[in-house]
C-alpha atoms as a PDB file:
ATOM      1  CA  MET A   1       0.178  -0.094  -0.146  1.00  0.00           C
ATOM      2  CA  PRO A   2       1.626   3.170  -1.538  1.00  0.00           C
ATOM      3  CA  ARG A   3       2.753   6.281   1.555  1.00  0.00           C
ATOM      4  CA  LYS A   4       0.438   8.584   1.528  1.00  0.00           C
ATOM      5  CA  ASN A   5       1.996  12.024   2.545  1.00  0.00           C
ATOM      6  CA  LEU A   6       2.700  12.581   5.717  1.00  0.00           C
ATOM      7  CA  PRO A   7       3.619  16.693   7.548  1.00  0.00           C
ATOM      8  CA  PHE A   8       8.222  15.537   8.245  1.00  0.00           C
ATOM      9  CA  TRP A   9       7.357  15.127  11.327  1.00  0.00           C
ATOM     10  CA  ALA A  10       5.860  12.272  11.573  1.00  0.00           C
ATOM     11  CA  LYS A  11       7.515  10.445   9.186  1.00  0.00           C
ATOM     12  CA  THR A  12       8.982   7.909  10.630  1.00  0.00           C
ATOM     13  CA  THR A  13      11.233   4.889  10.209  1.00  0.00           C
ATOM     14  CA  GLN A  14      11.285   1.894  11.257  1.00  0.00           C
ATOM     15  CA  SER A  15      13.674   2.241  12.798  1.00  0.00           C
ATOM     16  CA  GLU A  16      12.237   4.849  15.384  1.00  0.00           C
ATOM     17  CA  LYS A  17       9.673   3.457  15.470  1.00  0.00           C
ATOM     18  CA  PRO A  18       8.665   2.446  19.440  1.00  0.00           C
ATOM     19  CA  SER A  19       9.332  -1.144  20.153  1.00  0.00           C
ATOM     20  CA  LYS A  20       6.256  -3.490  20.049  1.00  0.00           C
ATOM     21  CA  LEU A  21       6.469  -5.054  24.003  1.00  0.00           C
ATOM     22  CA  PRO A  22       3.946  -7.405  25.649  1.00  0.00           C
ATOM     23  CA  THR A  23       1.990  -5.183  28.213  1.00  0.00           C
ATOM     24  CA  THR A  24       3.379  -6.792  31.492  1.00  0.00           C
ATOM     25  CA  GLU A  25       7.106  -6.540  30.035  1.00  0.00           C
ATOM     26  CA  ARG A  26       6.197  -3.209  28.941  1.00  0.00           C
ATOM     27  CA  ASP A  27       5.283  -2.427  33.516  1.00  0.00           C
ATOM     28  CA  GLY A  28       7.618  -4.301  34.658  1.00  0.00           C
ATOM     29  CA  ASN A  29      10.741  -2.049  32.948  1.00  0.00           C
ATOM     30  CA  LYS A  30       8.380   0.980  33.747  1.00  0.00           C
ATOM     31  CA  GLU A  31       8.660  -0.111  37.647  1.00  0.00           C
ATOM     32  CA  GLU A  32      12.175  -1.912  37.468  1.00  0.00           C
ATOM     33  CA  ALA A  33      13.325   2.074  36.086  1.00  0.00           C
ATOM     34  CA  PHE A  34      10.824   3.824  38.466  1.00  0.00           C
ATOM     35  CA  ALA A  35      12.602   2.136  41.354  1.00  0.00           C
ATOM     36  CA  SER A  36      16.107   2.879  40.241  1.00  0.00           C
ATOM     37  CA  SER A  37      14.835   6.200  40.474  1.00  0.00           C
ATOM     38  CA  SER A  38      13.901   6.312  44.363  1.00  0.00           C
ATOM     39  CA  LYS A  39      17.171   4.076  44.572  1.00  0.00           C
ATOM     40  CA  LYS A  40      19.310   7.195  43.599  1.00  0.00           C
ATOM     41  CA  ARG A  41      16.915   9.689  44.455  1.00  0.00           C
ATOM     42  CA  VAL A  42      17.336   8.448  47.744  1.00  0.00           C
ATOM     43  CA  SER A  43      20.703   7.559  47.285  1.00  0.00           C
ATOM     44  CA  GLY A  44      22.006  10.721  45.813  1.00  0.00           C
ATOM     45  CA  THR A  45      20.516  13.028  48.723  1.00  0.00           C
ATOM     46  CA  LYS A  46      23.557  14.116  51.732  1.00  0.00           C
ATOM     47  CA  GLY A  47      23.394  11.992  55.304  1.00  0.00           C
ATOM     48  CA  PRO A  48      23.026   8.081  56.187  1.00  0.00           C
ATOM     49  CA  LYS A  49      20.515   6.062  54.407  1.00  0.00           C
ATOM     50  CA  VAL A  50      16.909   5.672  54.263  1.00  0.00           C
ATOM     51  CA  ASP A  51      14.764   2.357  54.680  1.00  0.00           C
ATOM     52  CA  VAL A  52      11.664   4.703  53.772  1.00  0.00           C
ATOM     53  CA  THR A  53       9.488   2.183  54.182  1.00  0.00           C
ATOM     54  CA  VAL A  54      10.317   0.926  57.623  1.00  0.00           C
ATOM     55  CA  ASN A  55       9.819   4.423  58.794  1.00  0.00           C
ATOM     56  CA  ALA A  56       6.994   5.032  57.557  1.00  0.00           C
ATOM     57  CA  VAL A  57       5.663   2.168  60.063  1.00  0.00           C
ATOM     58  CA  VAL A  58       7.727   4.078  62.496  1.00  0.00           C
ATOM     59  CA  ILE A  59       5.436   6.902  62.511  1.00  0.00           C
ATOM     60  CA  GLU A  60       2.139   5.363  61.944  1.00  0.00           C
ATOM     61  CA  ASP A  61       2.808   3.392  65.076  1.00  0.00           C
ATOM     62  CA  TYR A  62       4.261   6.721  66.964  1.00  0.00           C
ATOM     63  CA  ALA A  63       0.726   8.285  65.953  1.00  0.00           C
ATOM     64  CA  LYS A  64      -1.489   6.003  67.238  1.00  0.00           C
ATOM     65  CA  ALA A  65       0.535   5.941  70.219  1.00  0.00           C
ATOM     66  CA  ASN A  66       0.211   9.643  70.789  1.00  0.00           C
ATOM     67  CA  HIS A  67      -3.652   9.495  69.984  1.00  0.00           C
ATOM     68  CA  LYS A  68      -4.194   7.134  72.353  1.00  0.00           C
ATOM     69  CA  ASP A  69      -2.034   9.043  75.621  1.00  0.00           C
ATOM     70  CA  GLU A  70      -4.415  12.502  74.097  1.00  0.00           C
ATOM     71  CA  ALA A  71      -7.971   9.922  74.485  1.00  0.00           C
ATOM     72  CA  GLN A  72      -6.537   8.137  78.049  1.00  0.00           C
ATOM     73  CA  LYS A  73      -5.965  12.584  79.366  1.00  0.00           C
ATOM     74  CA  GLY A  74      -9.308  12.676  80.013  1.00  0.00           C
ATOM     75  CA  THR A  75     -10.594   9.088  82.369  1.00  0.00           C
ATOM     76  CA  GLN A  76      -7.284   9.168  84.691  1.00  0.00           C
ATOM     77  CA  THR A  77      -7.428   8.634  87.678  1.00  0.00           C
ATOM     78  CA  PRO A  78      -6.263  10.320  91.202  1.00  0.00           C
ATOM     79  CA  ILE A  79      -2.669   8.347  91.939  1.00  0.00           C
ATOM     80  CA  TYR A  80      -2.731   8.116  95.899  1.00  0.00           C
ATOM     81  CA  PRO A  81       0.372   6.886  97.455  1.00  0.00           C
ATOM     82  CA  ASP A  82       0.690   3.960  98.798  1.00  0.00           C
ATOM     83  CA  PRO A  83       0.906   4.078 102.713  1.00  0.00           C
ATOM     84  CA  THR A  84       3.704   3.524 104.820  1.00  0.00           C
ATOM     85  CA  TYR A  85       3.676   0.597 107.160  1.00  0.00           C
ATOM     86  CA  GLY A  86       5.868   0.482 110.874  1.00  0.00           C
ATOM     87  CA  GLU A  87       6.688  -0.816 114.025  1.00  0.00           C
ATOM     88  CA  PHE A  88       4.421  -0.810 117.080  1.00  0.00           C
ATOM     89  CA  ASN A  89       5.508   2.873 119.029  1.00  0.00           C
ATOM     90  CA  LYS A  90       7.636   3.709 115.918  1.00  0.00           C
ATOM     91  CA  ALA A  91       8.708   7.783 115.786  1.00  0.00           C
ATOM     92  CA  ASP A  92       6.063   9.475 114.473  1.00  0.00           C
ATOM     93  CA  GLU A  93       6.248  11.283 110.915  1.00  0.00           C
ATOM     94  CA  LYS A  94       5.389  14.703 110.075  1.00  0.00           C
ATOM     95  CA  PRO A  95       1.765  15.242 108.459  1.00  0.00           C
ATOM     96  CA  GLY A  96       1.661  13.881 105.087  1.00  0.00           C
ATOM     97  CA  PHE A  97      -0.639  12.946 102.538  1.00  0.00           C
ATOM     98  CA  TRP A  98      -2.773  10.679 104.424  1.00  0.00           C
ATOM     99  CA  ALA A  99      -3.618  13.195 106.599  1.00  0.00           C
ATOM    100  CA  LYS A 100      -3.969  16.165 104.866  1.00  0.00           C
ATOM    101  CA  ARG A 101      -6.445  14.735 102.940  1.00  0.00           C
ATOM    102  CA  ALA A 102      -7.896  13.090 106.651  1.00  0.00           C
ATOM    103  CA  ALA A 103      -8.655  16.790 107.217  1.00  0.00           C
ATOM    104  CA  GLU A 104     -10.106  17.554 103.779  1.00  0.00           C
ATOM    105  CA  ALA A 105     -12.290  14.012 104.577  1.00  0.00           C
ATOM    106  CA  PRO A 106     -13.154  14.789 100.246  1.00  0.00           C
ATOM    107  CA  TRP A 107     -15.492  11.043 100.863  1.00  0.00           C
ATOM    108  CA  GLY A 108     -18.827  11.432 100.132  1.00  0.00           C
ATOM    109  CA  LEU A 109     -20.026   9.650 104.126  1.00  0.00           C
ATOM    110  CA  GLY A 110     -18.315  12.673 105.391  1.00  0.00           C
ATOM    111  CA  ALA A 111     -18.790  15.204 103.693  1.00  0.00           C
ATOM    112  CA  THR A 112     -21.815  16.772 105.509  1.00  0.00           C
ATOM    113  CA  ASP A 113     -20.036  15.948 109.063  1.00  0.00           C
ATOM    114  CA  LEU A 114     -16.935  17.986 108.236  1.00  0.00           C
ATOM    115  CA  HIS A 115     -18.748  21.590 107.496  1.00  0.00           C
ATOM    116  CA  GLN A 116     -21.359  20.230 110.420  1.00  0.00           C
ATOM    117  CA  PRO A 117     -20.827  22.184 113.136  1.00  0.00           C
ATOM    118  CA  GLY A 118     -21.022  20.326 116.706  1.00  0.00           C
ATOM    119  CA  THR A 119     -19.983  16.723 114.502  1.00  0.00           C
ATOM    120  CA  LEU A 120     -17.166  14.753 115.742  1.00  0.00           C
ATOM    121  CA  LEU A 121     -15.425  14.855 112.371  1.00  0.00           C
ATOM    122  CA  ASN A 122     -15.819  18.813 112.196  1.00  0.00           C
ATOM    123  CA  ARG A 123     -14.184  19.088 115.801  1.00  0.00           C
ATOM    124  CA  LEU A 124     -11.270  17.055 114.682  1.00  0.00           C
ATOM    125  CA  SER A 125     -10.657  19.108 111.643  1.00  0.00           C
ATOM    126  CA  ARG A 126      -9.984  21.960 113.304  1.00  0.00           C
ATOM    127  CA  MET A 127      -7.206  20.915 115.317  1.00  0.00           C
ATOM    128  CA  PRO A 128      -3.793  20.586 114.929  1.00  0.00           C
ATOM    129  CA  LEU A 129      -2.692  17.347 112.728  1.00  0.00           C
ATOM    130  CA  GLN A 130       0.834  15.730 115.188  1.00  0.00           C
ATOM    131  CA  ARG A 131       1.156  13.203 112.938  1.00  0.00           C
ATOM    132  CA  GLU A 132       0.853  11.184 109.020  1.00  0.00           C
ATOM    133  CA  PRO A 133      -0.858   8.113 109.583  1.00  0.00           C
ATOM    134  CA  ILE A 134       1.093   5.456 109.552  1.00  0.00           C
ATOM    135  CA  LEU A 135      -0.430   1.222 109.538  1.00  0.00           C
ATOM    136  CA  GLN A 136       1.098  -1.973 111.755  1.00  0.00           C
ATOM    137  CA  SER A 137       3.496  -3.625 109.710  1.00  0.00           C
ATOM    138  CA  ASP A 138       3.005  -7.252 109.306  1.00  0.00           C
ATOM    139  CA  THR A 139       4.099  -9.263 113.610  1.00  0.00           C
ATOM    140  CA  GLU A 140       5.372 -12.514 113.544  1.00  0.00           C
ATOM    141  CA  HIS A 141       1.094 -14.283 114.762  1.00  0.00           C
ATOM    142  CA  ARG A 142      -0.178 -11.858 111.686  1.00  0.00           C
ATOM    143  CA  LYS A 143       0.536 -10.819 108.359  1.00  0.00           C
ATOM    144  CA  ARG A 144      -0.777  -8.135 106.762  1.00  0.00           C
ATOM    145  CA  ALA A 145      -1.957  -7.499 103.189  1.00  0.00           C
ATOM    146  CA  LYS A 146      -0.438  -4.655 101.860  1.00  0.00           C
ATOM    147  CA  LEU A 147      -2.682  -2.000 100.994  1.00  0.00           C
ATOM    148  CA  SER A 148      -2.281   0.332  97.462  1.00  0.00           C
ATOM    149  CA  GLY A 149      -3.260   3.681  98.002  1.00  0.00           C
ATOM    150  CA  GLU A 150      -6.399   3.989  96.102  1.00  0.00           C
ATOM    151  CA  GLU A 151      -7.109   0.873  97.885  1.00  0.00           C
ATOM    152  CA  PHE A 152      -6.317   2.084 101.186  1.00  0.00           C
ATOM    153  CA  ASP A 153      -8.597   5.083 100.305  1.00  0.00           C
ATOM    154  CA  HIS A 154     -11.164   3.061  99.194  1.00  0.00           C
ATOM    155  CA  GLN A 155     -10.998   1.655 102.867  1.00  0.00           C
ATOM    156  CA  ILE A 156     -11.517   4.773 104.353  1.00  0.00           C
ATOM    157  CA  GLY A 157     -14.263   5.816 102.414  1.00  0.00           C
ATOM    158  CA  ARG A 158     -16.776   3.187 103.332  1.00  0.00           C
ATOM    159  CA  GLN A 159     -17.903   4.092 106.759  1.00  0.00           C
ATOM    160  CA  LYS A 160     -17.929   7.639 108.551  1.00  0.00           C
ATOM    161  CA  ASP A 161     -16.077   5.647 111.887  1.00  0.00           C
ATOM    162  CA  GLN A 162     -13.589   4.847 109.821  1.00  0.00           C
ATOM    163  CA  ILE A 163     -13.135   8.527 108.709  1.00  0.00           C
ATOM    164  CA  ASN A 164     -13.108   9.582 111.736  1.00  0.00           C
ATOM    165  CA  ALA A 165     -10.305   7.057 112.923  1.00  0.00           C
ATOM    166  CA  LEU A 166      -8.284   8.606 110.150  1.00  0.00           C
ATOM    167  CA  ILE A 167      -8.075  11.786 111.005  1.00  0.00           C
ATOM    168  CA  GLY A 168      -7.933  11.304 115.083  1.00  0.00           C
ATOM    169  CA  GLN A 169      -4.496   9.075 114.579  1.00  0.00           C
ATOM    170  CA  ALA A 170      -3.439  11.972 112.331  1.00  0.00           C
ATOM    171  CA  VAL A 171      -4.460  15.012 115.552  1.00  0.00           C
ATOM    172  CA  GLY A 172      -4.728  12.830 119.202  1.00  0.00           C
ATOM    173  CA  LYS A 173      -2.412  12.527 121.259  1.00  0.00           C
ATOM    174  CA  ARG A 174      -0.017   9.184 121.260  1.00  0.00           C
ATOM    175  CA  LEU A 175       0.530   6.993 124.091  1.00  0.00           C
ATOM    176  CA  ASP A 176       2.763   4.869 125.042  1.00  0.00           C
ATOM    177  CA  SER A 177       3.078   1.434 126.017  1.00  0.00           C
ATOM    178  CA  ASP A 178       2.235   1.369 129.588  1.00  0.00           C
ATOM    179  CA  ASN A 179      -0.870   3.754 128.682  1.00  0.00           C
ATOM    180  CA  ALA A 180      -1.884   2.244 125.045  1.00  0.00           C
ATOM    181  CA  CYS A 181      -5.121  -0.034 124.882  1.00  0.00           C
ATOM    182  CA  GLU A 182      -3.951  -3.930 124.876  1.00  0.00           C
ATOM    183  CA  ARG A 183      -5.175  -4.554 121.612  1.00  0.00           C
ATOM    184  CA  CYS A 184      -2.311  -2.492 120.075  1.00  0.00           C
ATOM    185  CA  VAL A 185       0.655  -3.127 122.933  1.00  0.00           C
ATOM    186  CA  SER A 186      -0.550  -6.683 121.671  1.00  0.00           C
ATOM    187  CA  LEU A 187       0.217  -5.836 117.455  1.00  0.00           C
ATOM    188  CA  ASN A 188      -3.886  -6.191 116.507  1.00  0.00           C
ATOM    189  CA  GLY A 189      -4.100  -2.722 115.558  1.00  0.00           C
ATOM    190  CA  LYS A 190      -4.843  -0.145 112.891  1.00  0.00           C
ATOM    191  CA  PHE A 191      -1.951   2.136 112.681  1.00  0.00           C
ATOM    192  CA  ASN A 192       0.842   1.498 114.695  1.00  0.00           C
ATOM    193  CA  ALA A 193       0.703   4.044 117.076  1.00  0.00           C
ATOM    194  CA  CYS A 194      -2.601   3.612 120.028  1.00  0.00           C
ATOM    195  CA  VAL A 195      -3.896   7.332 120.085  1.00  0.00           C
ATOM    196  CA  SER A 196      -6.356   8.469 121.497  1.00  0.00           C
ATOM    197  CA  VAL A 197      -9.070  10.716 120.674  1.00  0.00           C
ATOM    198  CA  PRO A 198     -11.221  13.000 122.762  1.00  0.00           C
ATOM    199  CA  GLY A 199     -14.077  13.127 121.454  1.00  0.00           C
ATOM    200  CA  MET A 200     -14.016   8.599 121.110  1.00  0.00           C
ATOM    201  CA  ASN A 201     -14.684   6.296 123.781  1.00  0.00           C
ATOM    202  CA  GLU A 202     -12.033   4.138 122.245  1.00  0.00           C
ATOM    203  CA  CYS A 203      -8.093   4.519 120.919  1.00  0.00           C
ATOM    204  CA  ALA A 204      -8.766   5.507 116.837  1.00  0.00           C
ATOM    205  CA  SER A 205      -7.245   1.723 115.592  1.00  0.00           C
ATOM    206  CA  CYS A 206     -10.279   0.208 117.715  1.00  0.00           C
ATOM    207  CA  THR A 207     -12.424   2.952 116.582  1.00  0.00           C
ATOM    208  CA  TRP A 208     -11.731   1.665 112.858  1.00  0.00           C
ATOM    209  CA  ASP A 209     -11.854  -2.117 113.753  1.00  0.00           C
ATOM    210  CA  LEU A 210     -15.359  -1.227 115.151  1.00  0.00           C
ATOM    211  CA  GLN A 211     -16.055  -5.669 115.919  1.00  0.00           C
ATOM    212  CA  TRP A 212     -13.030  -5.026 118.391  1.00  0.00           C
ATOM    213  CA  LYS A 213     -14.242  -3.517 122.446  1.00  0.00           C
ATOM    214  CA  CYS A 214     -11.270  -1.387 122.703  1.00  0.00           C
ATOM    215  CA  THR A 215      -9.899  -1.536 126.963  1.00  0.00           C
ATOM    216  CA  PHE A 216     -10.271   2.549 127.130  1.00  0.00           C
ATOM    217  CA  ALA A 217     -14.350   2.464 126.524  1.00  0.00           C
ATOM    218  CA  ASN A 218     -14.331   0.993 129.810  1.00  0.00           C
ATOM    219  CA  ARG A 219     -11.930   3.793 131.070  1.00  0.00           C
ATOM    220  CA  GLY A 220     -14.139   6.581 129.510  1.00  0.00           C
ATOM    221  CA  GLU A 221     -17.158   4.974 130.879  1.00  0.00           C
ATOM    222  CA  LYS A 222     -15.737   6.241 134.654  1.00  0.00           C
ATOM    223  CA  LYS A 223     -15.348   9.975 132.946  1.00  0.00           C
ATOM    224  CA  GLN A 224     -17.658  10.569 131.257  1.00  0.00           C
ATOM    225  CA  GLY A 225     -19.039  12.044 133.925  1.00  0.00           C
ATOM    226  CA  LEU A 226     -16.322  14.800 134.680  1.00  0.00           C
ATOM    227  CA  ALA A 227     -16.393  16.734 131.262  1.00  0.00           C
ATOM    228  CA  PRO A 228     -19.987  18.629 131.988  1.00  0.00           C
ATOM    229  CA  GLN A 229     -18.994  19.149 135.346  1.00  0.00           C
ATOM    230  CA  ASN A 230     -16.189  21.623 134.545  1.00  0.00           C
ATOM    231  CA  GLY A 231     -16.538  25.568 133.553  1.00  0.00           C
ATOM    232  CA  ILE A 232     -14.333  26.240 132.109  1.00  0.00           C
ATOM    233  CA  LEU A 233     -14.517  23.769 130.156  1.00  0.00           C
ATOM    234  CA  ASN A 234     -17.713  24.142 129.460  1.00  0.00           C
ATOM    235  CA  GLU A 235     -17.593  27.456 128.679  1.00  0.00           C
ATOM    236  CA  MET A 236     -14.100  27.001 125.717  1.00  0.00           C
ATOM    237  CA  LEU A 237     -17.262  24.816 123.920  1.00  0.00           C
ATOM    238  CA  ALA A 238     -19.727  27.312 124.062  1.00  0.00           C
ATOM    239  CA  LEU A 239     -17.462  30.114 122.409  1.00  0.00           C
ATOM    240  CA  MET A 240     -15.747  27.497 119.599  1.00  0.00           C
ATOM    241  CA  LYS A 241     -20.226  27.044 118.772  1.00  0.00           C
ATOM    242  CA  SER A 242     -20.501  31.034 118.552  1.00  0.00           C
ATOM    243  CA  ILE A 243     -18.180  31.102 116.391  1.00  0.00           C
ATOM    244  CA  ASP A 244     -18.392  28.465 114.033  1.00  0.00           C
ATOM    245  CA  SER A 245     -22.054  30.736 114.034  1.00  0.00           C
ATOM    246  CA  ILE A 246     -19.673  33.722 112.974  1.00  0.00           C
ATOM    247  CA  GLU A 247     -20.413  34.472 109.076  1.00  0.00           C
ATOM    248  CA  PRO A 248     -16.662  35.665 107.984  1.00  0.00           C
ATOM    249  CA  GLN A 249     -16.898  39.418 105.844  1.00  0.00           C
ATOM    250  CA  ASP A 250     -14.188  39.352 104.332  1.00  0.00           C
ATOM    251  CA  GLN A 251     -10.752  36.574 103.082  1.00  0.00           C
ATOM    252  CA  GLU A 252      -9.130  38.566 106.292  1.00  0.00           C
ATOM    253  CA  HIS A 253     -11.935  37.702 108.523  1.00  0.00           C
ATOM    254  CA  ALA A 254     -11.941  33.842 108.117  1.00  0.00           C
ATOM    255  CA  ALA A 255      -8.488  33.613 108.156  1.00  0.00           C
ATOM    256  CA  ARG A 256      -8.198  35.372 112.158  1.00  0.00           C
ATOM    257  CA  LEU A 257     -11.867  32.889 112.132  1.00  0.00           C
ATOM    258  CA  ALA A 258      -9.717  29.432 111.238  1.00  0.00           C
ATOM    259  CA  LEU A 259      -6.774  31.250 113.910  1.00  0.00           C
ATOM    260  CA  GLN A 260      -9.146  31.142 117.092  1.00  0.00           C
ATOM    261  CA  LYS A 261     -11.258  28.322 116.025  1.00  0.00           C
ATOM    262  CA  GLN A 262      -7.705  26.446 116.047  1.00  0.00           C
ATOM    263  CA  PHE A 263      -5.944  28.128 119.356  1.00  0.00           C
ATOM    264  CA  LEU A 264      -9.305  27.549 120.662  1.00  0.00           C
ATOM    265  CA  ALA A 265      -9.357  23.394 119.572  1.00  0.00           C
ATOM    266  CA  GLN A 266      -6.045  23.144 121.261  1.00  0.00           C
ATOM    267  CA  GLN A 267      -7.273  24.563 124.312  1.00  0.00           C
ATOM    268  CA  ILE A 268     -10.448  22.259 124.904  1.00  0.00           C
ATOM    269  CA  PHE A 269      -7.695  19.421 124.041  1.00  0.00           C
ATOM    270  CA  GLU A 270      -5.468  20.114 126.816  1.00  0.00           C
ATOM    271  CA  GLU A 271      -7.985  20.785 129.322  1.00  0.00           C
ATOM    272  CA  ALA A 272     -10.372  17.548 128.351  1.00  0.00           C
ATOM    273  CA  GLU A 273      -6.569  15.732 128.966  1.00  0.00           C
ATOM    274  CA  ARG A 274      -6.640  17.366 132.521  1.00  0.00           C
ATOM    275  CA  LEU A 275     -10.003  16.305 132.929  1.00  0.00           C
ATOM    276  CA  GLY A 276      -8.774  12.606 132.531  1.00  0.00           C
ATOM    277  CA  CYS A 277     -11.906  12.747 129.872  1.00  0.00           C
ATOM    278  CA  PHE A 278      -9.573  10.076 126.742  1.00  0.00           C
END
């Protein structure tokens, strides 16, 4: 068939025509060429060679981990320090996390009593903190489960008496071995020190463990009539009640009232101790 007249740019010789390769072969050549050029570009850059595939996977995993952490930030629960364990009558430690938490009484069962004038928890929360509550450590005849901070916090909030016991242990008067209750001396108390608390017939450890009868209970029943017969103590209690009824005018006034109540609470404690009320 005669060739038609074509434009000069369309005229090609047989040798200039593209080779008729199978589709797969042509595609394979293209892929090889692309891979080769990519390697050249990567190897031609300065610095160490980078495995693009591996780094892409690492970056993706890192992003997923970060998103997971961000999602969990809003659902994290407070972290409480584990309670301290110690031998009986070990030296006091300065008030720490659990003493301060007891004074704040954030548990549901204590929230009402804390701000209700006249309640035991309200009175104890105004007394100065003396020590950090320390739990009794293991003995030869009794092994105790070591509680985490969250487990201990859950135990405290289960009953009102246990809230009172914790703050009582932090603010009350520590007794030596000669005056401690029998249960604490036998190393069966909740805490590592026997502490008497104004307003409690039992020590703080026995108040915590409600099933036990503290040896202080009998002493308290015998001395119960002393306090009402003392005019000074009654006057101080009446003064505390009147201060509680005052509405502070501003922050400075509130601070002065708080100092007065703290000082008065200490005086009440000392007077009750002098009378042998606990």
